[in-house]
Amino acid sequence: MQRPLVPIVRWLAWGLVAFAGGWLFDALRLPVAWLLGPMVASMMLSMLLAPPPGIERNGSMVGQWIIGTMMGASFSLTALRSGLPHIPVLLGLIVFTAGLCLLNGWLLQRLAGVDATTGFLGSLPGAAAASVALAADLKADQFMVVMLMYIRVLLIILLVPVILSPWVDAETVAGAGRGGRVFVSPEPLFT
């Protein structure tokens, strides 16, 4: 009878650790605190103590459904109209980015021994859930795809504010937002 409770307790423990990571990063006013904090806390827990609880295929599909719904619901006709004049440039950038992803996948294959499909999917910007789902369908290494994406996201989130902070005025950036906190340090984080 106690066996079914074990996965629930493990999920609650992981949830609490992830929440604590988000809270800590938010308290430290780090960028994208509620994305990066739980991610770093979960990575630390996974490396130091225990593997994550298993996710059933249906659970993964529900997560993808929620993310897809949130992304679709945030799209508006106004956004479409404002983006129409920029479609040629956007299409060019998409082709350019896909080329860079192919190049990165090829380099990962040649230099790190990662198969080309895994390297390509791990190099795609954004769309982590879709890339992992594609990795499963294409028989690529799902773990490596996730690790490549997380490492890239961590580097971008940690380095971009540090690199851009000397050139960006925090008041200007905060005024451009919709009342949300924007992390741009008025002084470089590291000297």
N, C-alpha and C. Protein backbone atom coordinates (compact mmCIF):
# COMPACT_ATOMS: atom_id res chain seq x y z
N MET A 1 0.81 -1.21 0.00
CA MET A 1 0.00 0.00 0.00
C MET A 1 0.84 1.27 0.00
N GLN A 2 2.01 1.22 0.61
CA GLN A 2 2.84 2.41 0.66
C GLN A 2 3.57 2.67 -0.65
N ARG A 3 3.69 1.69 -1.49
CA ARG A 3 4.43 1.83 -2.73
C ARG A 3 3.92 2.97 -3.62
N PRO A 4 2.58 3.12 -3.84
CA PRO A 4 2.10 4.21 -4.70
C PRO A 4 2.42 5.60 -4.15
N LEU A 5 2.65 5.73 -2.85
CA LEU A 5 2.95 7.04 -2.27
C LEU A 5 4.38 7.49 -2.56
N VAL A 6 5.28 6.55 -2.81
CA VAL A 6 6.68 6.90 -3.01
C VAL A 6 6.87 7.87 -4.17
N PRO A 7 6.29 7.62 -5.36
CA PRO A 7 6.46 8.61 -6.44
C PRO A 7 5.86 9.97 -6.10
N ILE A 8 4.75 9.99 -5.39
CA ILE A 8 4.13 11.26 -5.01
C ILE A 8 5.04 12.04 -4.08
N VAL A 9 5.61 11.35 -3.10
CA VAL A 9 6.52 12.01 -2.15
C VAL A 9 7.76 12.53 -2.89
N ARG A 10 8.29 11.73 -3.82
CA ARG A 10 9.46 12.17 -4.58
C ARG A 10 9.13 13.40 -5.42
N TRP A 11 7.95 13.40 -6.07
CA TRP A 11 7.55 14.57 -6.86
C TRP A 11 7.38 15.79 -5.97
N LEU A 12 6.80 15.62 -4.78
CA LEU A 12 6.65 16.75 -3.86
C LEU A 12 8.02 17.28 -3.43
N ALA A 13 8.95 16.38 -3.15
CA ALA A 13 10.30 16.80 -2.76
C ALA A 13 10.96 17.58 -3.89
N TRP A 14 10.87 17.07 -5.12
CA TRP A 14 11.45 17.76 -6.26
C TRP A 14 10.77 19.10 -6.48
N GLY A 15 9.45 19.14 -6.30
CA GLY A 15 8.72 20.40 -6.45
C GLY A 15 9.16 21.43 -5.43
N LEU A 16 9.36 20.99 -4.19
CA LEU A 16 9.81 21.92 -3.14
C LEU A 16 11.22 22.43 -3.42
N VAL A 17 12.10 21.55 -3.87
CA VAL A 17 13.46 21.97 -4.21
C VAL A 17 13.43 22.97 -5.36
N ALA A 18 12.62 22.68 -6.39
CA ALA A 18 12.50 23.58 -7.53
C ALA A 18 11.93 24.94 -7.09
N PHE A 19 10.91 24.91 -6.23
CA PHE A 19 10.34 26.16 -5.74
C PHE A 19 11.37 26.95 -4.94
N ALA A 20 12.13 26.26 -4.10
CA ALA A 20 13.17 26.93 -3.31
C ALA A 20 14.21 27.57 -4.23
N GLY A 21 14.57 26.89 -5.30
CA GLY A 21 15.52 27.46 -6.26
C GLY A 21 14.96 28.70 -6.92
N GLY A 22 13.70 28.67 -7.32
CA GLY A 22 13.06 29.84 -7.92
C GLY A 22 12.99 30.99 -6.93
N TRP A 23 12.62 30.67 -5.70
CA TRP A 23 12.51 31.72 -4.67
C TRP A 23 13.88 32.34 -4.40
N LEU A 24 14.91 31.51 -4.29
CA LEU A 24 16.26 32.02 -4.03
C LEU A 24 16.74 32.91 -5.16
N PHE A 25 16.58 32.47 -6.40
CA PHE A 25 17.01 33.28 -7.54
C PHE A 25 16.21 34.58 -7.62
N ASP A 26 14.93 34.51 -7.27
CA ASP A 26 14.11 35.72 -7.26
C ASP A 26 14.58 36.67 -6.16
N ALA A 27 14.88 36.13 -4.99
CA ALA A 27 15.35 36.97 -3.88
C ALA A 27 16.70 37.61 -4.22
N LEU A 28 17.51 36.92 -5.00
CA LEU A 28 18.80 37.47 -5.43
C LEU A 28 18.66 38.37 -6.64
N ARG A 29 17.43 38.50 -7.14
CA ARG A 29 17.10 39.34 -8.30
C ARG A 29 17.90 38.93 -9.54
N LEU A 30 18.05 37.62 -9.72
CA LEU A 30 18.74 37.10 -10.89
C LEU A 30 17.78 37.06 -12.08
N PRO A 31 18.31 37.05 -13.28
CA PRO A 31 17.45 37.04 -14.46
C PRO A 31 16.66 35.75 -14.58
N VAL A 32 15.45 35.87 -15.04
CA VAL A 32 14.54 34.75 -15.29
C VAL A 32 14.57 33.78 -14.11
N ALA A 33 14.35 34.33 -12.93
CA ALA A 33 14.52 33.59 -11.68
C ALA A 33 13.67 32.33 -11.61
N TRP A 34 12.43 32.41 -12.04
CA TRP A 34 11.53 31.26 -11.89
C TRP A 34 11.70 30.23 -12.99
N LEU A 35 12.55 30.48 -13.95
CA LEU A 35 12.95 29.46 -14.92
C LEU A 35 14.31 28.90 -14.51
N LEU A 36 15.25 29.79 -14.29
CA LEU A 36 16.62 29.38 -14.02
C LEU A 36 16.79 28.77 -12.62
N GLY A 37 16.13 29.33 -11.61
CA GLY A 37 16.26 28.83 -10.24
C GLY A 37 15.84 27.38 -10.10
N PRO A 38 14.60 27.04 -10.52
CA PRO A 38 14.21 25.63 -10.44
C PRO A 38 15.09 24.72 -11.29
N MET A 39 15.55 25.22 -12.43
CA MET A 39 16.40 24.41 -13.29
C MET A 39 17.73 24.10 -12.60
N VAL A 40 18.36 25.11 -12.03
CA VAL A 40 19.65 24.91 -11.36
C VAL A 40 19.46 24.04 -10.11
N ALA A 41 18.40 24.30 -9.33
CA ALA A 41 18.15 23.51 -8.12
C ALA A 41 17.91 22.04 -8.47
N SER A 42 17.13 21.80 -9.52
CA SER A 42 16.85 20.42 -9.94
C SER A 42 18.10 19.74 -10.48
N MET A 43 18.93 20.49 -11.20
CA MET A 43 20.18 19.92 -11.69
C MET A 43 21.08 19.53 -10.53
N MET A 44 21.16 20.39 -9.52
CA MET A 44 22.00 20.09 -8.36
C MET A 44 21.47 18.87 -7.61
N LEU A 45 20.15 18.81 -7.40
CA LEU A 45 19.56 17.68 -6.71
C LEU A 45 19.81 16.39 -7.49
N SER A 46 19.66 16.45 -8.79
CA SER A 46 19.86 15.28 -9.62
C SER A 46 21.31 14.80 -9.57
N MET A 47 22.25 15.73 -9.59
CA MET A 47 23.67 15.35 -9.59
C MET A 47 24.14 14.90 -8.21
N LEU A 48 23.61 15.52 -7.16
CA LEU A 48 24.12 15.25 -5.82
C LEU A 48 23.40 14.11 -5.09
N LEU A 49 22.09 14.02 -5.25
CA LEU A 49 21.37 13.08 -4.40
C LEU A 49 20.62 11.98 -5.13
N ALA A 50 19.71 12.35 -5.98
CA ALA A 50 18.81 11.34 -6.51
C ALA A 50 18.39 11.66 -7.92
N PRO A 51 18.14 10.63 -8.70
CA PRO A 51 17.60 10.89 -10.04
C PRO A 51 16.17 11.41 -9.92
N PRO A 52 15.73 12.12 -10.92
CA PRO A 52 14.36 12.65 -10.87
C PRO A 52 13.34 11.53 -10.94
N PRO A 53 12.15 11.77 -10.41
CA PRO A 53 11.11 10.76 -10.56
C PRO A 53 10.76 10.60 -12.04
N GLY A 54 10.38 9.42 -12.41
CA GLY A 54 10.04 9.15 -13.81
C GLY A 54 8.81 9.93 -14.25
N ILE A 55 8.80 10.28 -15.52
CA ILE A 55 7.64 10.97 -16.09
C ILE A 55 6.99 10.01 -17.08
N GLU A 56 5.75 9.74 -16.85
CA GLU A 56 5.01 8.90 -17.79
C GLU A 56 4.85 9.66 -19.10
N ARG A 57 4.67 8.95 -20.18
CA ARG A 57 4.48 9.60 -21.50
C ARG A 57 3.29 10.55 -21.47
N ASN A 58 2.22 10.15 -20.79
CA ASN A 58 1.05 11.03 -20.70
C ASN A 58 1.37 12.32 -19.95
N GLY A 59 2.21 12.22 -18.93
CA GLY A 59 2.61 13.42 -18.18
C GLY A 59 3.40 14.38 -19.06
N SER A 60 4.27 13.83 -19.88
CA SER A 60 5.04 14.66 -20.80
C SER A 60 4.13 15.31 -21.83
N MET A 61 3.16 14.56 -22.31
CA MET A 61 2.22 15.11 -23.29
C MET A 61 1.38 16.22 -22.67
N VAL A 62 0.99 16.08 -21.41
CA VAL A 62 0.23 17.13 -20.74
C VAL A 62 1.07 18.38 -20.60
N GLY A 63 2.35 18.22 -20.26
CA GLY A 63 3.25 19.36 -20.18
C GLY A 63 3.38 20.08 -21.51
N GLN A 64 3.52 19.31 -22.59
CA GLN A 64 3.61 19.91 -23.92
C GLN A 64 2.31 20.60 -24.29
N TRP A 65 1.20 20.00 -23.92
CA TRP A 65 -0.12 20.59 -24.19
C TRP A 65 -0.25 21.94 -23.48
N ILE A 66 0.18 22.01 -22.22
CA ILE A 66 0.10 23.26 -21.46
C ILE A 66 0.99 24.33 -22.10
N ILE A 67 2.21 23.97 -22.43
CA ILE A 67 3.14 24.93 -23.05
C ILE A 67 2.60 25.39 -24.40
N GLY A 68 2.12 24.45 -25.21
CA GLY A 68 1.56 24.81 -26.52
C GLY A 68 0.35 25.73 -26.39
N THR A 69 -0.50 25.44 -25.43
CA THR A 69 -1.68 26.28 -25.20
C THR A 69 -1.28 27.67 -24.76
N MET A 70 -0.33 27.78 -23.85
CA MET A 70 0.13 29.09 -23.38
C MET A 70 0.77 29.89 -24.51
N MET A 71 1.55 29.23 -25.34
CA MET A 71 2.19 29.93 -26.46
C MET A 71 1.14 30.40 -27.46
N GLY A 72 0.19 29.53 -27.80
CA GLY A 72 -0.85 29.89 -28.74
C GLY A 72 -1.76 30.99 -28.21
N ALA A 73 -2.08 30.94 -26.92
CA ALA A 73 -2.97 31.93 -26.33
C ALA A 73 -2.33 33.31 -26.24
N SER A 74 -1.00 33.35 -26.23
CA SER A 74 -0.34 34.65 -26.13
C SER A 74 -0.22 35.34 -27.49
N PHE A 75 -0.54 34.64 -28.56
CA PHE A 75 -0.46 35.21 -29.90
C PHE A 75 -1.72 36.02 -30.18
N SER A 76 -1.59 37.15 -30.85
CA SER A 76 -2.76 38.00 -31.14
C SER A 76 -2.72 38.49 -32.58
N LEU A 77 -3.86 38.98 -33.03
CA LEU A 77 -3.95 39.54 -34.37
C LEU A 77 -3.07 40.78 -34.49
N THR A 78 -2.99 41.55 -33.42
CA THR A 78 -2.13 42.74 -33.40
C THR A 78 -0.67 42.34 -33.62
N ALA A 79 -0.25 41.27 -32.95
CA ALA A 79 1.13 40.80 -33.12
C ALA A 79 1.37 40.36 -34.56
N LEU A 80 0.40 39.69 -35.14
CA LEU A 80 0.53 39.26 -36.52
C LEU A 80 0.65 40.45 -37.46
N ARG A 81 -0.21 41.44 -37.27
CA ARG A 81 -0.17 42.64 -38.12
C ARG A 81 1.16 43.38 -37.99
N SER A 82 1.65 43.49 -36.77
CA SER A 82 2.91 44.23 -36.58
C SER A 82 4.10 43.45 -37.14
N GLY A 83 3.98 42.14 -37.23
CA GLY A 83 5.08 41.34 -37.73
C GLY A 83 5.09 41.15 -39.24
N LEU A 84 3.96 41.37 -39.90
CA LEU A 84 3.88 41.13 -41.35
C LEU A 84 4.95 41.86 -42.17
N PRO A 85 5.23 43.14 -41.90
CA PRO A 85 6.25 43.82 -42.72
C PRO A 85 7.66 43.23 -42.55
N HIS A 86 7.85 42.49 -41.48
CA HIS A 86 9.18 41.97 -41.18
C HIS A 86 9.37 40.52 -41.61
N ILE A 87 8.37 39.95 -42.28
CA ILE A 87 8.44 38.53 -42.65
C ILE A 87 9.65 38.19 -43.50
N PRO A 88 10.02 38.97 -44.52
CA PRO A 88 11.21 38.59 -45.30
C PRO A 88 12.48 38.51 -44.45
N VAL A 89 12.68 39.47 -43.57
CA VAL A 89 13.86 39.45 -42.71
C VAL A 89 13.78 38.27 -41.75
N LEU A 90 12.60 38.03 -41.17
CA LEU A 90 12.45 36.92 -40.24
C LEU A 90 12.71 35.58 -40.92
N LEU A 91 12.20 35.41 -42.13
CA LEU A 91 12.45 34.17 -42.86
C LEU A 91 13.94 33.99 -43.16
N GLY A 92 14.60 35.08 -43.52
CA GLY A 92 16.04 35.02 -43.74
C GLY A 92 16.79 34.63 -42.48
N LEU A 93 16.38 35.20 -41.35
CA LEU A 93 17.03 34.86 -40.08
C LEU A 93 16.75 33.42 -39.67
N ILE A 94 15.54 32.93 -39.98
CA ILE A 94 15.21 31.54 -39.67
C ILE A 94 16.11 30.61 -40.47
N VAL A 95 16.28 30.88 -41.76
CA VAL A 95 17.15 30.06 -42.60
C VAL A 95 18.59 30.14 -42.10
N PHE A 96 19.05 31.35 -41.76
CA PHE A 96 20.41 31.54 -41.25
C PHE A 96 20.60 30.76 -39.95
N THR A 97 19.63 30.87 -39.02
CA THR A 97 19.72 30.16 -37.74
C THR A 97 19.72 28.66 -37.95
N ALA A 98 18.86 28.17 -38.86
CA ALA A 98 18.84 26.73 -39.14
C ALA A 98 20.19 26.28 -39.69
N GLY A 99 20.80 27.11 -40.52
CA GLY A 99 22.14 26.79 -41.04
C GLY A 99 23.16 26.71 -39.92
N LEU A 100 23.09 27.65 -38.98
CA LEU A 100 24.02 27.61 -37.84
C LEU A 100 23.77 26.38 -36.97
N CYS A 101 22.50 25.99 -36.82
CA CYS A 101 22.19 24.78 -36.05
C CYS A 101 22.75 23.54 -36.74
N LEU A 102 22.62 23.49 -38.06
CA LEU A 102 23.20 22.36 -38.81
C LEU A 102 24.71 22.33 -38.65
N LEU A 103 25.33 23.50 -38.76
CA LEU A 103 26.78 23.58 -38.58
C LEU A 103 27.18 23.15 -37.17
N ASN A 104 26.45 23.62 -36.17
CA ASN A 104 26.75 23.25 -34.79
C ASN A 104 26.56 21.74 -34.58
N GLY A 105 25.48 21.18 -35.15
CA GLY A 105 25.27 19.74 -35.05
C GLY A 105 26.40 18.96 -35.70
N TRP A 106 26.86 19.44 -36.84
CA TRP A 106 27.97 18.79 -37.54
C TRP A 106 29.25 18.88 -36.71
N LEU A 107 29.50 20.08 -36.12
CA LEU A 107 30.69 20.24 -35.28
C LEU A 107 30.63 19.34 -34.05
N LEU A 108 29.44 19.24 -33.44
CA LEU A 108 29.30 18.34 -32.28
C LEU A 108 29.55 16.89 -32.70
N GLN A 109 29.10 16.53 -33.89
CA GLN A 109 29.33 15.18 -34.38
C GLN A 109 30.82 14.93 -34.60
N ARG A 110 31.49 15.86 -35.24
CA ARG A 110 32.91 15.69 -35.58
C ARG A 110 33.83 15.79 -34.35
N LEU A 111 33.55 16.77 -33.48
CA LEU A 111 34.48 17.06 -32.38
C LEU A 111 34.13 16.36 -31.08
N ALA A 112 32.84 16.09 -30.85
CA ALA A 112 32.43 15.52 -29.57
C ALA A 112 31.85 14.11 -29.69
N GLY A 113 31.70 13.63 -30.92
CA GLY A 113 31.18 12.28 -31.10
C GLY A 113 29.68 12.15 -30.90
N VAL A 114 28.97 13.28 -30.90
CA VAL A 114 27.51 13.27 -30.76
C VAL A 114 26.92 13.01 -32.14
N ASP A 115 25.85 12.18 -32.21
CA ASP A 115 25.27 11.94 -33.53
C ASP A 115 24.65 13.23 -34.07
N ALA A 116 24.58 13.34 -35.39
CA ALA A 116 24.17 14.59 -36.05
C ALA A 116 22.77 15.02 -35.66
N THR A 117 21.83 14.09 -35.55
CA THR A 117 20.45 14.45 -35.19
C THR A 117 20.40 15.03 -33.79
N THR A 118 21.09 14.41 -32.86
CA THR A 118 21.14 14.91 -31.48
C THR A 118 21.78 16.29 -31.44
N GLY A 119 22.87 16.46 -32.16
CA GLY A 119 23.55 17.76 -32.19
C GLY A 119 22.67 18.85 -32.77
N PHE A 120 21.96 18.53 -33.84
CA PHE A 120 21.06 19.51 -34.46
C PHE A 120 19.93 19.88 -33.52
N LEU A 121 19.24 18.87 -32.95
CA LEU A 121 18.11 19.15 -32.05
C LEU A 121 18.56 19.88 -30.79
N GLY A 122 19.74 19.56 -30.29
CA GLY A 122 20.27 20.25 -29.11
C GLY A 122 20.71 21.67 -29.39
N SER A 123 20.87 22.01 -30.66
CA SER A 123 21.31 23.34 -31.05
C SER A 123 20.16 24.27 -31.41
N LEU A 124 18.96 23.72 -31.56
CA LEU A 124 17.82 24.56 -31.95
C LEU A 124 17.53 25.60 -30.88
N PRO A 125 17.28 26.84 -31.27
CA PRO A 125 16.94 27.86 -30.28
C PRO A 125 15.50 27.69 -29.81
N GLY A 126 15.30 27.69 -28.50
CA GLY A 126 13.96 27.57 -27.96
C GLY A 126 13.35 26.21 -28.24
N ALA A 127 12.05 26.10 -28.04
CA ALA A 127 11.28 24.89 -28.35
C ALA A 127 11.86 23.64 -27.72
N ALA A 128 12.25 23.72 -26.45
CA ALA A 128 12.87 22.57 -25.78
C ALA A 128 11.93 21.37 -25.76
N ALA A 129 10.67 21.58 -25.41
CA ALA A 129 9.73 20.46 -25.33
C ALA A 129 9.57 19.80 -26.70
N ALA A 130 9.47 20.61 -27.74
CA ALA A 130 9.31 20.05 -29.09
C ALA A 130 10.58 19.32 -29.52
N SER A 131 11.74 19.86 -29.18
CA SER A 131 13.00 19.21 -29.55
C SER A 131 13.16 17.86 -28.85
N VAL A 132 12.77 17.79 -27.59
CA VAL A 132 12.87 16.52 -26.86
C VAL A 132 11.87 15.52 -27.44
N ALA A 133 10.67 15.99 -27.78
CA ALA A 133 9.68 15.10 -28.39
C ALA A 133 10.19 14.60 -29.75
N LEU A 134 10.79 15.49 -30.53
CA LEU A 134 11.37 15.09 -31.81
C LEU A 134 12.51 14.10 -31.60
N ALA A 135 13.31 14.33 -30.57
CA ALA A 135 14.43 13.42 -30.28
C ALA A 135 13.91 12.01 -30.02
N ALA A 136 12.81 11.91 -29.30
CA ALA A 136 12.23 10.59 -29.04
C ALA A 136 11.75 9.95 -30.33
N ASP A 137 11.08 10.72 -31.16
CA ASP A 137 10.56 10.19 -32.43
C ASP A 137 11.67 9.83 -33.41
N LEU A 138 12.76 10.61 -33.41
CA LEU A 138 13.85 10.38 -34.36
C LEU A 138 14.95 9.48 -33.81
N LYS A 139 14.72 8.92 -32.62
CA LYS A 139 15.68 8.01 -31.97
C LYS A 139 17.02 8.69 -31.67
N ALA A 140 16.97 9.99 -31.38
CA ALA A 140 18.17 10.70 -30.96
C ALA A 140 18.33 10.55 -29.45
N ASP A 141 19.45 10.96 -28.92
CA ASP A 141 19.73 10.88 -27.49
C ASP A 141 19.01 12.01 -26.77
N GLN A 142 17.86 11.69 -26.14
CA GLN A 142 17.05 12.71 -25.49
C GLN A 142 17.81 13.42 -24.37
N PHE A 143 18.54 12.65 -23.58
CA PHE A 143 19.30 13.25 -22.48
C PHE A 143 20.30 14.27 -22.99
N MET A 144 21.01 13.93 -24.06
CA MET A 144 22.01 14.84 -24.61
C MET A 144 21.34 16.08 -25.19
N VAL A 145 20.18 15.93 -25.84
CA VAL A 145 19.45 17.08 -26.37
C VAL A 145 19.09 18.03 -25.23
N VAL A 146 18.57 17.48 -24.15
CA VAL A 146 18.20 18.31 -22.99
C VAL A 146 19.43 18.99 -22.41
N MET A 147 20.53 18.25 -22.26
CA MET A 147 21.74 18.83 -21.68
C MET A 147 22.30 19.94 -22.56
N LEU A 148 22.33 19.73 -23.86
CA LEU A 148 22.83 20.77 -24.76
C LEU A 148 21.97 22.03 -24.66
N MET A 149 20.67 21.84 -24.59
CA MET A 149 19.78 23.01 -24.49
C MET A 149 19.95 23.72 -23.15
N TYR A 150 20.00 22.95 -22.06
CA TYR A 150 20.14 23.57 -20.75
C TYR A 150 21.46 24.31 -20.60
N ILE A 151 22.52 23.71 -21.10
CA ILE A 151 23.83 24.38 -21.01
C ILE A 151 23.79 25.69 -21.80
N ARG A 152 23.19 25.65 -22.99
CA ARG A 152 23.09 26.87 -23.80
C ARG A 152 22.24 27.93 -23.10
N VAL A 153 21.09 27.52 -22.55
CA VAL A 153 20.21 28.46 -21.85
C VAL A 153 20.92 29.05 -20.63
N LEU A 154 21.59 28.19 -19.87
CA LEU A 154 22.32 28.68 -18.70
C LEU A 154 23.37 29.71 -19.09
N LEU A 155 24.13 29.40 -20.13
CA LEU A 155 25.17 30.34 -20.56
C LEU A 155 24.57 31.66 -21.03
N ILE A 156 23.49 31.58 -21.80
CA ILE A 156 22.86 32.81 -22.30
C ILE A 156 22.29 33.63 -21.14
N ILE A 157 21.56 32.98 -20.25
CA ILE A 157 20.91 33.71 -19.16
C ILE A 157 21.95 34.29 -18.20
N LEU A 158 23.02 33.57 -17.97
CA LEU A 158 24.04 34.08 -17.04
C LEU A 158 24.97 35.10 -17.68
N LEU A 159 25.27 34.95 -18.96
CA LEU A 159 26.27 35.82 -19.58
C LEU A 159 25.70 37.07 -20.23
N VAL A 160 24.52 36.99 -20.83
CA VAL A 160 23.98 38.15 -21.55
C VAL A 160 23.83 39.37 -20.64
N PRO A 161 23.22 39.24 -19.44
CA PRO A 161 23.13 40.43 -18.59
C PRO A 161 24.49 41.00 -18.20
N VAL A 162 25.45 40.11 -17.97
CA VAL A 162 26.79 40.56 -17.58
C VAL A 162 27.45 41.29 -18.75
N ILE A 163 27.31 40.75 -19.94
CA ILE A 163 27.95 41.34 -21.11
C ILE A 163 27.28 42.66 -21.50
N LEU A 164 25.95 42.70 -21.43
CA LEU A 164 25.22 43.89 -21.89
C LEU A 164 25.10 44.99 -20.84
N SER A 165 25.28 44.67 -19.56
CA SER A 165 25.03 45.66 -18.52
C SER A 165 25.81 46.97 -18.67
N PRO A 166 27.03 46.99 -19.16
CA PRO A 166 27.72 48.28 -19.31
C PRO A 166 27.09 49.18 -20.38
N TRP A 167 26.34 48.60 -21.32
CA TRP A 167 25.80 49.39 -22.43
C TRP A 167 24.31 49.67 -22.34
N VAL A 168 23.62 49.07 -21.38
CA VAL A 168 22.17 49.22 -21.30
C VAL A 168 21.82 49.98 -20.03
N ASP A 169 20.99 51.00 -20.19
CA ASP A 169 20.51 51.79 -19.07
C ASP A 169 19.34 51.06 -18.42
N ALA A 170 19.44 50.70 -17.15
CA ALA A 170 18.41 49.91 -16.47
C ALA A 170 17.06 50.62 -16.45
N GLU A 171 17.06 51.96 -16.28
CA GLU A 171 15.79 52.68 -16.24
C GLU A 171 15.07 52.65 -17.58
N THR A 172 15.82 52.74 -18.67
CA THR A 172 15.22 52.67 -20.00
C THR A 172 14.59 51.31 -20.23
N VAL A 173 15.31 50.24 -19.88
CA VAL A 173 14.79 48.89 -20.08
C VAL A 173 13.57 48.66 -19.20
N ALA A 174 13.63 49.07 -17.94
CA ALA A 174 12.50 48.88 -17.03
C ALA A 174 11.29 49.67 -17.51
N GLY A 175 11.50 50.85 -18.05
CA GLY A 175 10.40 51.66 -18.55
C GLY A 175 9.76 51.08 -19.79
N ALA A 176 10.52 50.28 -20.54
CA ALA A 176 9.98 49.68 -21.76
C ALA A 176 9.12 48.47 -21.46
N GLY A 177 9.25 47.90 -20.26
CA GLY A 177 8.47 46.71 -19.91
C GLY A 177 7.05 47.08 -19.52
N ARG A 178 6.30 46.04 -19.14
CA ARG A 178 4.91 46.26 -18.73
C ARG A 178 4.79 46.16 -17.22
N GLY A 179 5.67 46.80 -16.50
CA GLY A 179 5.59 46.79 -15.05
C GLY A 179 6.34 45.65 -14.40
N GLY A 180 6.84 44.71 -15.19
CA GLY A 180 7.59 43.59 -14.63
C GLY A 180 9.01 44.00 -14.34
N ARG A 181 9.67 43.21 -13.48
CA ARG A 181 11.06 43.48 -13.17
C ARG A 181 11.93 43.03 -14.31
N VAL A 182 12.85 43.86 -14.71
CA VAL A 182 13.80 43.51 -15.75
C VAL A 182 15.18 43.55 -15.12
N PHE A 183 15.94 42.47 -15.28
CA PHE A 183 17.26 42.43 -14.67
C PHE A 183 18.28 43.01 -15.64
N VAL A 184 18.74 44.17 -15.35
CA VAL A 184 19.90 44.75 -16.03
C VAL A 184 20.61 45.56 -14.94
N SER A 185 21.75 45.10 -14.54
CA SER A 185 22.49 45.77 -13.49
C SER A 185 23.03 47.10 -13.99
N PRO A 186 22.86 48.18 -13.19
CA PRO A 186 23.45 49.45 -13.61
C PRO A 186 24.97 49.42 -13.59
N GLU A 187 25.53 48.46 -12.88
CA GLU A 187 26.97 48.31 -12.85
C GLU A 187 27.31 46.86 -13.22
N PRO A 188 28.46 46.64 -13.81
CA PRO A 188 28.82 45.26 -14.17
C PRO A 188 28.77 44.35 -12.94
N LEU A 189 28.31 43.11 -13.12
CA LEU A 189 28.22 42.18 -12.01
C LEU A 189 29.58 41.71 -11.57
N PHE A 190 30.50 41.57 -12.51
CA PHE A 190 31.84 41.09 -12.20
C PHE A 190 32.86 42.12 -12.69
N THR A 191 33.81 42.44 -11.89
CA THR A 191 34.85 43.38 -12.29
C THR A 191 36.20 42.72 -12.29
